[in-house]
């Protein structure tokens, strides 16, 4: 898993690789493992869903994501189902966004 520090959105930090556990590999239609997806912060925690390449797939797994930045680890636990999407375009912030400007 990768994280990017966007504290200063004009100068984002380099990707930080985090060891991930609990998320099984899924073979994509092209034979490769599909590990792309998006995460969202909700009042009930942080959740992750994979991007799904097969347009016949209508439902995908939803995973609860727990980050331990001190140990550099991310743990995934099954949390239900979600409508499948080829591109979720979601992201999650570990802390509150304080200053947001629009262009």
PDB file of N, CA and C in Angstrom:
ATOM      1  N   UNK A   1       0.850  -1.157   0.000  1.00  0.00           N
ATOM      2  CA  UNK A   1       0.000   0.000   0.000  1.00  0.00           C
ATOM      3  C   UNK A   1       0.901   1.226   0.000  1.00  0.00           C
ATOM      4  N   UNK A   2       0.439   2.305  -0.640  1.00  0.00           N
ATOM      5  CA  UNK A   2       1.238   3.515  -0.637  1.00  0.00           C
ATOM      6  C   UNK A   2       0.448   4.682  -0.056  1.00  0.00           C
ATOM      7  N   UNK A   3       1.160   5.549   0.635  1.00  0.00           N
ATOM      8  CA  UNK A   3       0.586   6.760   1.214  1.00  0.00           C
ATOM      9  C   UNK A   3       1.383   7.949   0.686  1.00  0.00           C
ATOM     10  N   UNK A   4       0.687   9.077   0.533  1.00  0.00           N
ATOM     11  CA  UNK A   4       1.364  10.297   0.103  1.00  0.00           C
ATOM     12  C   UNK A   4       0.987  11.418   1.064  1.00  0.00           C
ATOM     13  N   UNK A   5       1.993  12.100   1.590  1.00  0.00           N
ATOM     14  CA  UNK A   5       1.775  13.236   2.488  1.00  0.00           C
ATOM     15  C   UNK A   5       1.411  14.459   1.650  1.00  0.00           C
ATOM     16  N   UNK A   6       0.175  14.940   1.815  1.00  0.00           N
ATOM     17  CA  UNK A   6      -0.269  16.130   1.080  1.00  0.00           C
ATOM     18  C   UNK A   6      -0.546  17.275   2.055  1.00  0.00           C
ATOM     19  N   UNK A   7       0.203  17.296   3.164  1.00  0.00           N
ATOM     20  CA  UNK A   7       0.068  18.398   4.109  1.00  0.00           C
ATOM     21  C   UNK A   7       0.244  19.723   3.380  1.00  0.00           C
ATOM     22  N   UNK A   8       1.256  19.783   2.520  1.00  0.00           N
ATOM     23  CA  UNK A   8       1.448  20.928   1.631  1.00  0.00           C
ATOM     24  C   UNK A   8       1.067  20.439   0.240  1.00  0.00           C
ATOM     25  N   UNK A   9      -0.160  20.705  -0.163  1.00  0.00           N
ATOM     26  CA  UNK A   9      -0.680  20.154  -1.414  1.00  0.00           C
ATOM     27  C   UNK A   9       0.085  20.641  -2.644  1.00  0.00           C
ATOM     28  N   UNK A  10       0.835  21.733  -2.530  1.00  0.00           N
ATOM     29  CA  UNK A  10       1.635  22.193  -3.655  1.00  0.00           C
ATOM     30  C   UNK A  10       2.952  21.420  -3.775  1.00  0.00           C
ATOM     31  N   UNK A  11       3.356  20.755  -2.704  1.00  0.00           N
ATOM     32  CA  UNK A  11       4.591  19.970  -2.694  1.00  0.00           C
ATOM     33  C   UNK A  11       4.323  18.631  -2.007  1.00  0.00           C
ATOM     34  N   UNK A  12       3.576  17.729  -2.663  1.00  0.00           N
ATOM     35  CA  UNK A  12       3.290  16.444  -2.023  1.00  0.00           C
ATOM     36  C   UNK A  12       4.565  15.641  -1.801  1.00  0.00           C
ATOM     37  N   UNK A  13       4.570  14.865  -0.736  1.00  0.00           N
ATOM     38  CA  UNK A  13       5.721  14.034  -0.433  1.00  0.00           C
ATOM     39  C   UNK A  13       5.793  12.831  -1.349  1.00  0.00           C
ATOM     40  N   UNK A  14       6.904  12.120  -1.315  1.00  0.00           N
ATOM     41  CA  UNK A  14       7.032  10.909  -2.134  1.00  0.00           C
ATOM     42  C   UNK A  14       6.132   9.801  -1.581  1.00  0.00           C
ATOM     43  N   UNK A  15       5.745   8.838  -2.409  1.00  0.00           N
ATOM     44  CA  UNK A  15       4.937   7.724  -1.907  1.00  0.00           C
ATOM     45  C   UNK A  15       5.677   6.971  -0.800  1.00  0.00           C
ATOM     46  N   UNK A  16       4.959   6.659   0.264  1.00  0.00           N
ATOM     47  CA  UNK A  16       5.503   5.880   1.375  1.00  0.00           C
ATOM     48  C   UNK A  16       4.877   4.499   1.295  1.00  0.00           C
ATOM     49  N   UNK A  17       5.686   3.462   1.174  1.00  0.00           N
ATOM     50  CA  UNK A  17       5.169   2.101   1.068  1.00  0.00           C
ATOM     51  C   UNK A  17       4.891   1.537   2.450  1.00  0.00           C
ATOM     52  N   UNK A  18       3.691   0.975   2.622  1.00  0.00           N
ATOM     53  CA  UNK A  18       3.224   0.416   3.891  1.00  0.00           C
ATOM     54  C   UNK A  18       2.951  -1.073   3.688  1.00  0.00           C
ATOM     55  N   UNK A  19       3.416  -1.916   4.594  1.00  0.00           N
ATOM     56  CA  UNK A  19       3.132  -3.350   4.515  1.00  0.00           C
ATOM     57  C   UNK A  19       1.646  -3.571   4.772  1.00  0.00           C
ATOM     58  N   UNK A  20       0.974  -4.285   3.857  1.00  0.00           N
ATOM     59  CA  UNK A  20      -0.458  -4.547   3.981  1.00  0.00           C
ATOM     60  C   UNK A  20      -0.703  -6.023   4.246  1.00  0.00           C
ATOM     61  N   UNK A  21      -1.634  -6.326   5.165  1.00  0.00           N
ATOM     62  CA  UNK A  21      -2.010  -7.707   5.464  1.00  0.00           C
ATOM     63  C   UNK A  21      -3.533  -7.834   5.425  1.00  0.00           C
ATOM     64  N   UNK A  22      -3.994  -9.055   5.124  1.00  0.00           N
ATOM     65  CA  UNK A  22      -5.419  -9.358   5.182  1.00  0.00           C
ATOM     66  C   UNK A  22      -6.186  -9.137   3.902  1.00  0.00           C
ATOM     67  N   UNK A  23      -5.556  -8.611   2.871  1.00  0.00           N
ATOM     68  CA  UNK A  23      -6.241  -8.356   1.598  1.00  0.00           C
ATOM     69  C   UNK A  23      -5.768  -9.408   0.596  1.00  0.00           C
ATOM     70  N   UNK A  24      -6.638 -10.380   0.261  1.00  0.00           N
ATOM     71  CA  UNK A  24      -6.184 -11.442  -0.649  1.00  0.00           C
ATOM     72  C   UNK A  24      -5.965 -10.920  -2.061  1.00  0.00           C
ATOM     73  N   UNK A  25      -5.047 -11.560  -2.772  1.00  0.00           N
ATOM     74  CA  UNK A  25      -4.812 -11.209  -4.175  1.00  0.00           C
ATOM     75  C   UNK A  25      -5.995 -11.695  -4.992  1.00  0.00           C
ATOM     76  N   UNK A  26      -6.385 -10.909  -5.979  1.00  0.00           N
ATOM     77  CA  UNK A  26      -7.466 -11.273  -6.887  1.00  0.00           C
ATOM     78  C   UNK A  26      -6.916 -11.183  -8.295  1.00  0.00           C
ATOM     79  N   UNK A  27      -7.098 -12.254  -9.061  1.00  0.00           N
ATOM     80  CA  UNK A  27      -6.623 -12.244 -10.434  1.00  0.00           C
ATOM     81  C   UNK A  27      -7.517 -11.352 -11.281  1.00  0.00           C
ATOM     82  N   UNK A  28      -6.916 -10.430 -11.991  1.00  0.00           N
ATOM     83  CA  UNK A  28      -7.643  -9.541 -12.893  1.00  0.00           C
ATOM     84  C   UNK A  28      -7.874 -10.258 -14.223  1.00  0.00           C
ATOM     85  N   UNK A  29      -8.722  -9.689 -15.059  1.00  0.00           N
ATOM     86  CA  UNK A  29      -9.046 -10.282 -16.358  1.00  0.00           C
ATOM     87  C   UNK A  29      -7.790 -10.489 -17.206  1.00  0.00           C
ATOM     88  N   UNK A  30      -6.780  -9.632 -17.042  1.00  0.00           N
ATOM     89  CA  UNK A  30      -5.554  -9.746 -17.838  1.00  0.00           C
ATOM     90  C   UNK A  30      -4.536 -10.706 -17.213  1.00  0.00           C
ATOM     91  N   UNK A  31      -4.915 -11.406 -16.136  1.00  0.00           N
ATOM     92  CA  UNK A  31      -4.036 -12.382 -15.498  1.00  0.00           C
ATOM     93  C   UNK A  31      -3.139 -11.810 -14.420  1.00  0.00           C
ATOM     94  N   UNK A  32      -3.133 -10.501 -14.241  1.00  0.00           N
ATOM     95  CA  UNK A  32      -2.318  -9.882 -13.195  1.00  0.00           C
ATOM     96  C   UNK A  32      -3.148  -9.728 -11.919  1.00  0.00           C
ATOM     97  N   UNK A  33      -2.485  -9.514 -10.799  1.00  0.00           N
ATOM     98  CA  UNK A  33      -3.200  -9.259  -9.546  1.00  0.00           C
ATOM     99  C   UNK A  33      -3.719  -7.833  -9.540  1.00  0.00           C
ATOM    100  N   UNK A  34      -4.979  -7.665  -9.231  1.00  0.00           N
ATOM    101  CA  UNK A  34      -5.584  -6.332  -9.184  1.00  0.00           C
ATOM    102  C   UNK A  34      -5.536  -5.812  -7.761  1.00  0.00           C
ATOM    103  N   UNK A  35      -4.648  -4.882  -7.507  1.00  0.00           N
ATOM    104  CA  UNK A  35      -4.530  -4.315  -6.172  1.00  0.00           C
ATOM    105  C   UNK A  35      -4.896  -2.842  -6.144  1.00  0.00           C
ATOM    106  N   UNK A  36      -5.362  -2.288  -7.273  1.00  0.00           N
ATOM    107  CA  UNK A  36      -5.759  -0.880  -7.311  1.00  0.00           C
ATOM    108  C   UNK A  36      -7.115  -0.719  -6.651  1.00  0.00           C
ATOM    109  N   UNK A  37      -7.315   0.395  -5.991  1.00  0.00           N
ATOM    110  CA  UNK A  37      -8.594   0.681  -5.365  1.00  0.00           C
ATOM    111  C   UNK A  37      -8.546   2.026  -4.680  1.00  0.00           C
ATOM    112  N   UNK A  38      -9.557   2.298  -3.891  1.00  0.00           N
ATOM    113  CA  UNK A  38      -9.655   3.587  -3.206  1.00  0.00           C
ATOM    114  C   UNK A  38     -10.102   3.380  -1.773  1.00  0.00           C
ATOM    115  N   UNK A  39      -9.741   4.343  -0.926  1.00  0.00           N
ATOM    116  CA  UNK A  39     -10.127   4.301   0.483  1.00  0.00           C
ATOM    117  C   UNK A  39     -10.874   5.570   0.845  1.00  0.00           C
ATOM    118  N   UNK A  40     -11.798   5.446   1.803  1.00  0.00           N
ATOM    119  CA  UNK A  40     -12.582   6.588   2.276  1.00  0.00           C
ATOM    120  C   UNK A  40     -12.602   6.597   3.793  1.00  0.00           C
ATOM    121  N   UNK A  41     -12.514   7.779   4.367  1.00  0.00           N
ATOM    122  CA  UNK A  41     -12.650   7.950   5.810  1.00  0.00           C
ATOM    123  C   UNK A  41     -14.119   8.241   6.099  1.00  0.00           C
ATOM    124  N   UNK A  42     -14.732   7.483   6.995  1.00  0.00           N
ATOM    125  CA  UNK A  42     -16.126   7.682   7.385  1.00  0.00           C
ATOM    126  C   UNK A  42     -16.184   7.822   8.897  1.00  0.00           C
ATOM    127  N   UNK A  43     -17.327   8.208   9.445  1.00  0.00           N
ATOM    128  CA  UNK A  43     -17.443   8.254  10.910  1.00  0.00           C
ATOM    129  C   UNK A  43     -17.230   6.889  11.554  1.00  0.00           C
ATOM    130  N   UNK A  44     -17.386   5.799  10.784  1.00  0.00           N
ATOM    131  CA  UNK A  44     -17.222   4.437  11.311  1.00  0.00           C
ATOM    132  C   UNK A  44     -15.864   3.831  10.995  1.00  0.00           C
ATOM    133  N   UNK A  45     -14.938   4.626  10.457  1.00  0.00           N
ATOM    134  CA  UNK A  45     -13.605   4.123  10.160  1.00  0.00           C
ATOM    135  C   UNK A  45     -13.219   4.361   8.715  1.00  0.00           C
ATOM    136  N   UNK A  46     -12.096   3.768   8.331  1.00  0.00           N
ATOM    137  CA  UNK A  46     -11.570   3.896   6.977  1.00  0.00           C
ATOM    138  C   UNK A  46     -11.904   2.608   6.225  1.00  0.00           C
ATOM    139  N   UNK A  47     -12.392   2.747   4.980  1.00  0.00           N
ATOM    140  CA  UNK A  47     -12.795   1.594   4.188  1.00  0.00           C
ATOM    141  C   UNK A  47     -12.129   1.625   2.825  1.00  0.00           C
ATOM    142  N   UNK A  48     -11.947   0.427   2.248  1.00  0.00           N
ATOM    143  CA  UNK A  48     -11.272   0.264   0.964  1.00  0.00           C
ATOM    144  C   UNK A  48     -12.104  -0.641   0.071  1.00  0.00           C
ATOM    145  N   UNK A  49     -12.134  -0.322  -1.227  1.00  0.00           N
ATOM    146  CA  UNK A  49     -12.746  -1.187  -2.226  1.00  0.00           C
ATOM    147  C   UNK A  49     -11.847  -1.215  -3.452  1.00  0.00           C
ATOM    148  N   UNK A  50     -11.721  -2.387  -4.048  1.00  0.00           N
ATOM    149  CA  UNK A  50     -10.885  -2.556  -5.246  1.00  0.00           C
ATOM    150  C   UNK A  50     -11.548  -1.924  -6.462  1.00  0.00           C
ATOM    151  N   UNK A  51     -10.730  -1.500  -7.403  1.00  0.00           N
ATOM    152  CA  UNK A  51     -11.218  -1.189  -8.742  1.00  0.00           C
ATOM    153  C   UNK A  51     -11.454  -2.536  -9.432  1.00  0.00           C
ATOM    154  N   UNK A  52     -12.589  -2.676 -10.110  1.00  0.00           N
ATOM    155  CA  UNK A  52     -12.947  -3.939 -10.750  1.00  0.00           C
ATOM    156  C   UNK A  52     -12.847  -3.776 -12.258  1.00  0.00           C
ATOM    157  N   UNK A  53     -12.047  -4.638 -12.898  1.00  0.00           N
ATOM    158  CA  UNK A  53     -11.834  -4.536 -14.342  1.00  0.00           C
ATOM    159  C   UNK A  53     -12.912  -5.243 -15.160  1.00  0.00           C
ATOM    160  N   UNK A  54     -13.559  -6.252 -14.605  1.00  0.00           N
ATOM    161  CA  UNK A  54     -14.550  -7.049 -15.331  1.00  0.00           C
ATOM    162  C   UNK A  54     -15.916  -6.379 -15.214  1.00  0.00           C
ATOM    163  N   UNK A  55     -16.439  -5.856 -16.328  1.00  0.00           N
ATOM    164  CA  UNK A  55     -17.698  -5.112 -16.279  1.00  0.00           C
ATOM    165  C   UNK A  55     -18.897  -6.004 -15.946  1.00  0.00           C
ATOM    166  N   UNK A  56     -18.737  -7.341 -15.995  1.00  0.00           N
ATOM    167  CA  UNK A  56     -19.814  -8.248 -15.608  1.00  0.00           C
ATOM    168  C   UNK A  56     -19.934  -8.370 -14.089  1.00  0.00           C
ATOM    169  N   UNK A  57     -18.899  -7.955 -13.357  1.00  0.00           N
ATOM    170  CA  UNK A  57     -18.933  -8.011 -11.893  1.00  0.00           C
ATOM    171  C   UNK A  57     -19.726  -6.808 -11.385  1.00  0.00           C
ATOM    172  N   UNK A  58     -20.803  -7.051 -10.655  1.00  0.00           N
ATOM    173  CA  UNK A  58     -21.683  -5.977 -10.187  1.00  0.00           C
ATOM    174  C   UNK A  58     -21.471  -5.626  -8.716  1.00  0.00           C
ATOM    175  N   UNK A  59     -20.919  -6.581  -7.945  1.00  0.00           N
ATOM    176  CA  UNK A  59     -20.718  -6.368  -6.505  1.00  0.00           C
ATOM    177  C   UNK A  59     -19.276  -6.718  -6.157  1.00  0.00           C
ATOM    178  N   UNK A  60     -18.667  -5.908  -5.309  1.00  0.00           N
ATOM    179  CA  UNK A  60     -17.280  -6.108  -4.904  1.00  0.00           C
ATOM    180  C   UNK A  60     -17.199  -6.153  -3.377  1.00  0.00           C
ATOM    181  N   UNK A  61     -16.096  -6.662  -2.866  1.00  0.00           N
ATOM    182  CA  UNK A  61     -15.894  -6.704  -1.413  1.00  0.00           C
ATOM    183  C   UNK A  61     -15.521  -5.324  -0.880  1.00  0.00           C
ATOM    184  N   UNK A  62     -15.973  -5.047   0.325  1.00  0.00           N
ATOM    185  CA  UNK A  62     -15.616  -3.834   1.052  1.00  0.00           C
ATOM    186  C   UNK A  62     -14.767  -4.261   2.238  1.00  0.00           C
ATOM    187  N   UNK A  63     -13.669  -3.540   2.477  1.00  0.00           N
ATOM    188  CA  UNK A  63     -12.724  -3.898   3.524  1.00  0.00           C
ATOM    189  C   UNK A  63     -12.550  -2.737   4.485  1.00  0.00           C
ATOM    190  N   UNK A  64     -12.535  -3.042   5.792  1.00  0.00           N
ATOM    191  CA  UNK A  64     -12.197  -2.025   6.787  1.00  0.00           C
ATOM    192  C   UNK A  64     -10.674  -1.974   6.866  1.00  0.00           C
ATOM    193  N   UNK A  65     -10.138  -0.774   6.839  1.00  0.00           N
ATOM    194  CA  UNK A  65      -8.697  -0.555   6.796  1.00  0.00           C
ATOM    195  C   UNK A  65      -8.243   0.094   8.095  1.00  0.00           C
ATOM    196  N   UNK A  66      -7.254  -0.509   8.725  1.00  0.00           N
ATOM    197  CA  UNK A  66      -6.663   0.051   9.937  1.00  0.00           C
ATOM    198  C   UNK A  66      -5.197   0.347   9.655  1.00  0.00           C
ATOM    199  N   UNK A  67      -4.807   1.607   9.863  1.00  0.00           N
ATOM    200  CA  UNK A  67      -3.418   2.023   9.644  1.00  0.00           C
ATOM    201  C   UNK A  67      -2.682   2.144  10.968  1.00  0.00           C
ATOM    202  N   UNK A  68      -1.474   1.643  11.016  1.00  0.00           N
ATOM    203  CA  UNK A  68      -0.576   1.860  12.145  1.00  0.00           C
ATOM    204  C   UNK A  68       0.687   2.479  11.570  1.00  0.00           C
ATOM    205  N   UNK A  69       0.730   3.811  11.578  1.00  0.00           N
ATOM    206  CA  UNK A  69       1.852   4.504  10.949  1.00  0.00           C
ATOM    207  C   UNK A  69       3.152   4.339  11.724  1.00  0.00           C
ATOM    208  N   UNK A  70       3.065   4.074  13.020  1.00  0.00           N
ATOM    209  CA  UNK A  70       4.286   3.850  13.802  1.00  0.00           C
ATOM    210  C   UNK A  70       4.958   2.541  13.398  1.00  0.00           C
ATOM    211  N   UNK A  71       4.157   1.516  13.077  1.00  0.00           N
ATOM    212  CA  UNK A  71       4.695   0.221  12.652  1.00  0.00           C
ATOM    213  C   UNK A  71       4.809   0.116  11.135  1.00  0.00           C
ATOM    214  N   UNK A  72       4.312   1.130  10.414  1.00  0.00           N
ATOM    215  CA  UNK A  72       4.343   1.116   8.948  1.00  0.00           C
ATOM    216  C   UNK A  72       3.534  -0.056   8.395  1.00  0.00           C
ATOM    217  N   UNK A  73       2.331  -0.273   8.972  1.00  0.00           N
ATOM    218  CA  UNK A  73       1.496  -1.404   8.595  1.00  0.00           C
ATOM    219  C   UNK A  73       0.049  -0.972   8.342  1.00  0.00           C
ATOM    220  N   UNK A  74      -0.593  -1.705   7.432  1.00  0.00           N
ATOM    221  CA  UNK A  74      -2.017  -1.534   7.155  1.00  0.00           C
ATOM    222  C   UNK A  74      -2.665  -2.912   7.234  1.00  0.00           C
ATOM    223  N   UNK A  75      -3.785  -3.009   7.936  1.00  0.00           N
ATOM    224  CA  UNK A  75      -4.499  -4.275   8.059  1.00  0.00           C
ATOM    225  C   UNK A  75      -5.892  -4.121   7.457  1.00  0.00           C
ATOM    226  N   UNK A  76      -6.304  -5.101   6.655  1.00  0.00           N
ATOM    227  CA  UNK A  76      -7.605  -5.106   6.012  1.00  0.00           C
ATOM    228  C   UNK A  76      -8.453  -6.223   6.608  1.00  0.00           C
ATOM    229  N   UNK A  77      -9.740  -5.924   6.862  1.00  0.00           N
ATOM    230  CA  UNK A  77     -10.676  -6.919   7.389  1.00  0.00           C
ATOM    231  C   UNK A  77     -11.975  -6.799   6.600  1.00  0.00           C
ATOM    232  N   UNK A  78     -12.529  -7.933   6.144  1.00  0.00           N
ATOM    233  CA  UNK A  78     -13.769  -7.911   5.378  1.00  0.00           C
ATOM    234  C   UNK A  78     -14.862  -7.186   6.141  1.00  0.00           C
ATOM    235  N   UNK A  79     -15.592  -6.302   5.429  1.00  0.00           N
ATOM    236  CA  UNK A  79     -16.620  -5.492   6.096  1.00  0.00           C
ATOM    237  C   UNK A  79     -17.953  -5.494   5.348  1.00  0.00           C
ATOM    238  N   UNK A  80     -18.075  -6.276   4.273  1.00  0.00           N
ATOM    239  CA  UNK A  80     -19.340  -6.321   3.554  1.00  0.00           C
ATOM    240  C   UNK A  80     -19.143  -6.241   2.055  1.00  0.00           C
ATOM    241  N   UNK A  81     -20.167  -5.760   1.372  1.00  0.00           N
ATOM    242  CA  UNK A  81     -20.153  -5.664  -0.090  1.00  0.00           C
ATOM    243  C   UNK A  81     -20.446  -4.231  -0.507  1.00  0.00           C
ATOM    244  N   UNK A  82     -20.035  -3.887  -1.754  1.00  0.00           N
ATOM    245  CA  UNK A  82     -20.244  -2.557  -2.306  1.00  0.00           C
ATOM    246  C   UNK A  82     -20.448  -2.715  -3.810  1.00  0.00           C
ATOM    247  N   UNK A  83     -21.171  -1.788  -4.429  1.00  0.00           N
ATOM    248  CA  UNK A  83     -21.310  -1.814  -5.884  1.00  0.00           C
ATOM    249  C   UNK A  83     -19.924  -1.740  -6.515  1.00  0.00           C
ATOM    250  N   UNK A  84     -19.678  -2.603  -7.485  1.00  0.00           N
ATOM    251  CA  UNK A  84     -18.376  -2.625  -8.153  1.00  0.00           C
ATOM    252  C   UNK A  84     -18.231  -1.405  -9.061  1.00  0.00           C
ATOM    253  N   UNK A  85     -17.021  -0.916  -9.172  1.00  0.00           N
ATOM    254  CA  UNK A  85     -16.741   0.216 -10.054  1.00  0.00           C
ATOM    255  C   UNK A  85     -15.353   0.026 -10.657  1.00  0.00           C
ATOM    256  N   UNK A  86     -15.194   0.445 -11.906  1.00  0.00           N
ATOM    257  CA  UNK A  86     -13.890   0.330 -12.561  1.00  0.00           C
ATOM    258  C   UNK A  86     -12.905   1.329 -11.963  1.00  0.00           C
ATOM    259  N   UNK A  87     -13.413   2.467 -11.511  1.00  0.00           N
ATOM    260  CA  UNK A  87     -12.564   3.495 -10.930  1.00  0.00           C
ATOM    261  C   UNK A  87     -13.353   4.192  -9.848  1.00  0.00           C
ATOM    262  N   UNK A  88     -12.935   4.086  -8.609  1.00  0.00           N
ATOM    263  CA  UNK A  88     -13.686   4.667  -7.495  1.00  0.00           C
ATOM    264  C   UNK A  88     -13.378   6.138  -7.281  1.00  0.00           C
ATOM    265  N   UNK A  89     -12.154   6.555  -7.607  1.00  0.00           N
ATOM    266  CA  UNK A  89     -11.753   7.948  -7.452  1.00  0.00           C
ATOM    267  C   UNK A  89     -11.967   8.474  -6.036  1.00  0.00           C
ATOM    268  N   UNK A  90     -11.653   7.662  -5.059  1.00  0.00           N
ATOM    269  CA  UNK A  90     -11.764   8.079  -3.663  1.00  0.00           C
ATOM    270  C   UNK A  90     -10.403   8.107  -3.011  1.00  0.00           C
ATOM    271  N   UNK A  91     -10.293   8.847  -1.944  1.00  0.00           N
ATOM    272  CA  UNK A  91      -9.066   8.840  -1.167  1.00  0.00           C
ATOM    273  C   UNK A  91      -9.430   9.106   0.277  1.00  0.00           C
ATOM    274  N   UNK A  92      -8.509   8.880   1.155  1.00  0.00           N
ATOM    275  CA  UNK A  92      -8.776   9.047   2.573  1.00  0.00           C
ATOM    276  C   UNK A  92      -7.662   9.862   3.210  1.00  0.00           C
ATOM    277  N   UNK A  93      -8.045  10.755   4.110  1.00  0.00           N
ATOM    278  CA  UNK A  93      -7.067  11.540   4.849  1.00  0.00           C
ATOM    279  C   UNK A  93      -6.955  10.988   6.256  1.00  0.00           C
ATOM    280  N   UNK A  94      -5.736  10.876   6.728  1.00  0.00           N
ATOM    281  CA  UNK A  94      -5.506  10.346   8.072  1.00  0.00           C
ATOM    282  C   UNK A  94      -5.868  11.381   9.137  1.00  0.00           C
ATOM    283  N   UNK A  95      -5.769  12.650   8.791  1.00  0.00           N
ATOM    284  CA  UNK A  95      -6.139  13.733   9.694  1.00  0.00           C
ATOM    285  C   UNK A  95      -7.118  14.657   8.992  1.00  0.00           C
ATOM    286  N   UNK A  96      -7.731  15.568   9.729  1.00  0.00           N
ATOM    287  CA  UNK A  96      -8.686  16.496   9.148  1.00  0.00           C
ATOM    288  C   UNK A  96      -8.023  17.442   8.159  1.00  0.00           C
ATOM    289  N   UNK A  97      -8.744  17.760   7.099  1.00  0.00           N
ATOM    290  CA  UNK A  97      -8.271  18.776   6.169  1.00  0.00           C
ATOM    291  C   UNK A  97      -8.674  20.118   6.735  1.00  0.00           C
ATOM    292  N   UNK A  98      -7.704  20.982   6.995  1.00  0.00           N
ATOM    293  CA  UNK A  98      -7.980  22.254   7.657  1.00  0.00           C
ATOM    294  C   UNK A  98      -8.168  23.391   6.660  1.00  0.00           C
ATOM    295  N   UNK A  99      -7.351  23.434   5.632  1.00  0.00           N
ATOM    296  CA  UNK A  99      -7.381  24.567   4.717  1.00  0.00           C
ATOM    297  C   UNK A  99      -7.520  24.051   3.280  1.00  0.00           C
ATOM    298  N   UNK A 100      -8.688  24.219   2.694  1.00  0.00           N
ATOM    299  CA  UNK A 100      -8.931  23.767   1.333  1.00  0.00           C
ATOM    300  C   UNK A 100      -9.308  24.974   0.495  1.00  0.00           C
ATOM    301  N   UNK A 101      -8.646  25.127  -0.646  1.00  0.00           N
ATOM    302  CA  UNK A 101      -8.979  26.223  -1.541  1.00  0.00           C
ATOM    303  C   UNK A 101      -9.459  25.644  -2.867  1.00  0.00           C
ATOM    304  N   UNK A 102     -10.324  26.360  -3.547  1.00  0.00           N
ATOM    305  CA  UNK A 102     -10.819  25.924  -4.845  1.00  0.00           C
ATOM    306  C   UNK A 102     -10.207  26.779  -5.936  1.00  0.00           C
ATOM    307  N   UNK A 103      -9.944  26.164  -7.074  1.00  0.00           N
ATOM    308  CA  UNK A 103      -9.407  26.901  -8.219  1.00  0.00           C
ATOM    309  C   UNK A 103     -10.535  27.432  -9.068  1.00  0.00           C
TER     310      UNK A 103
END
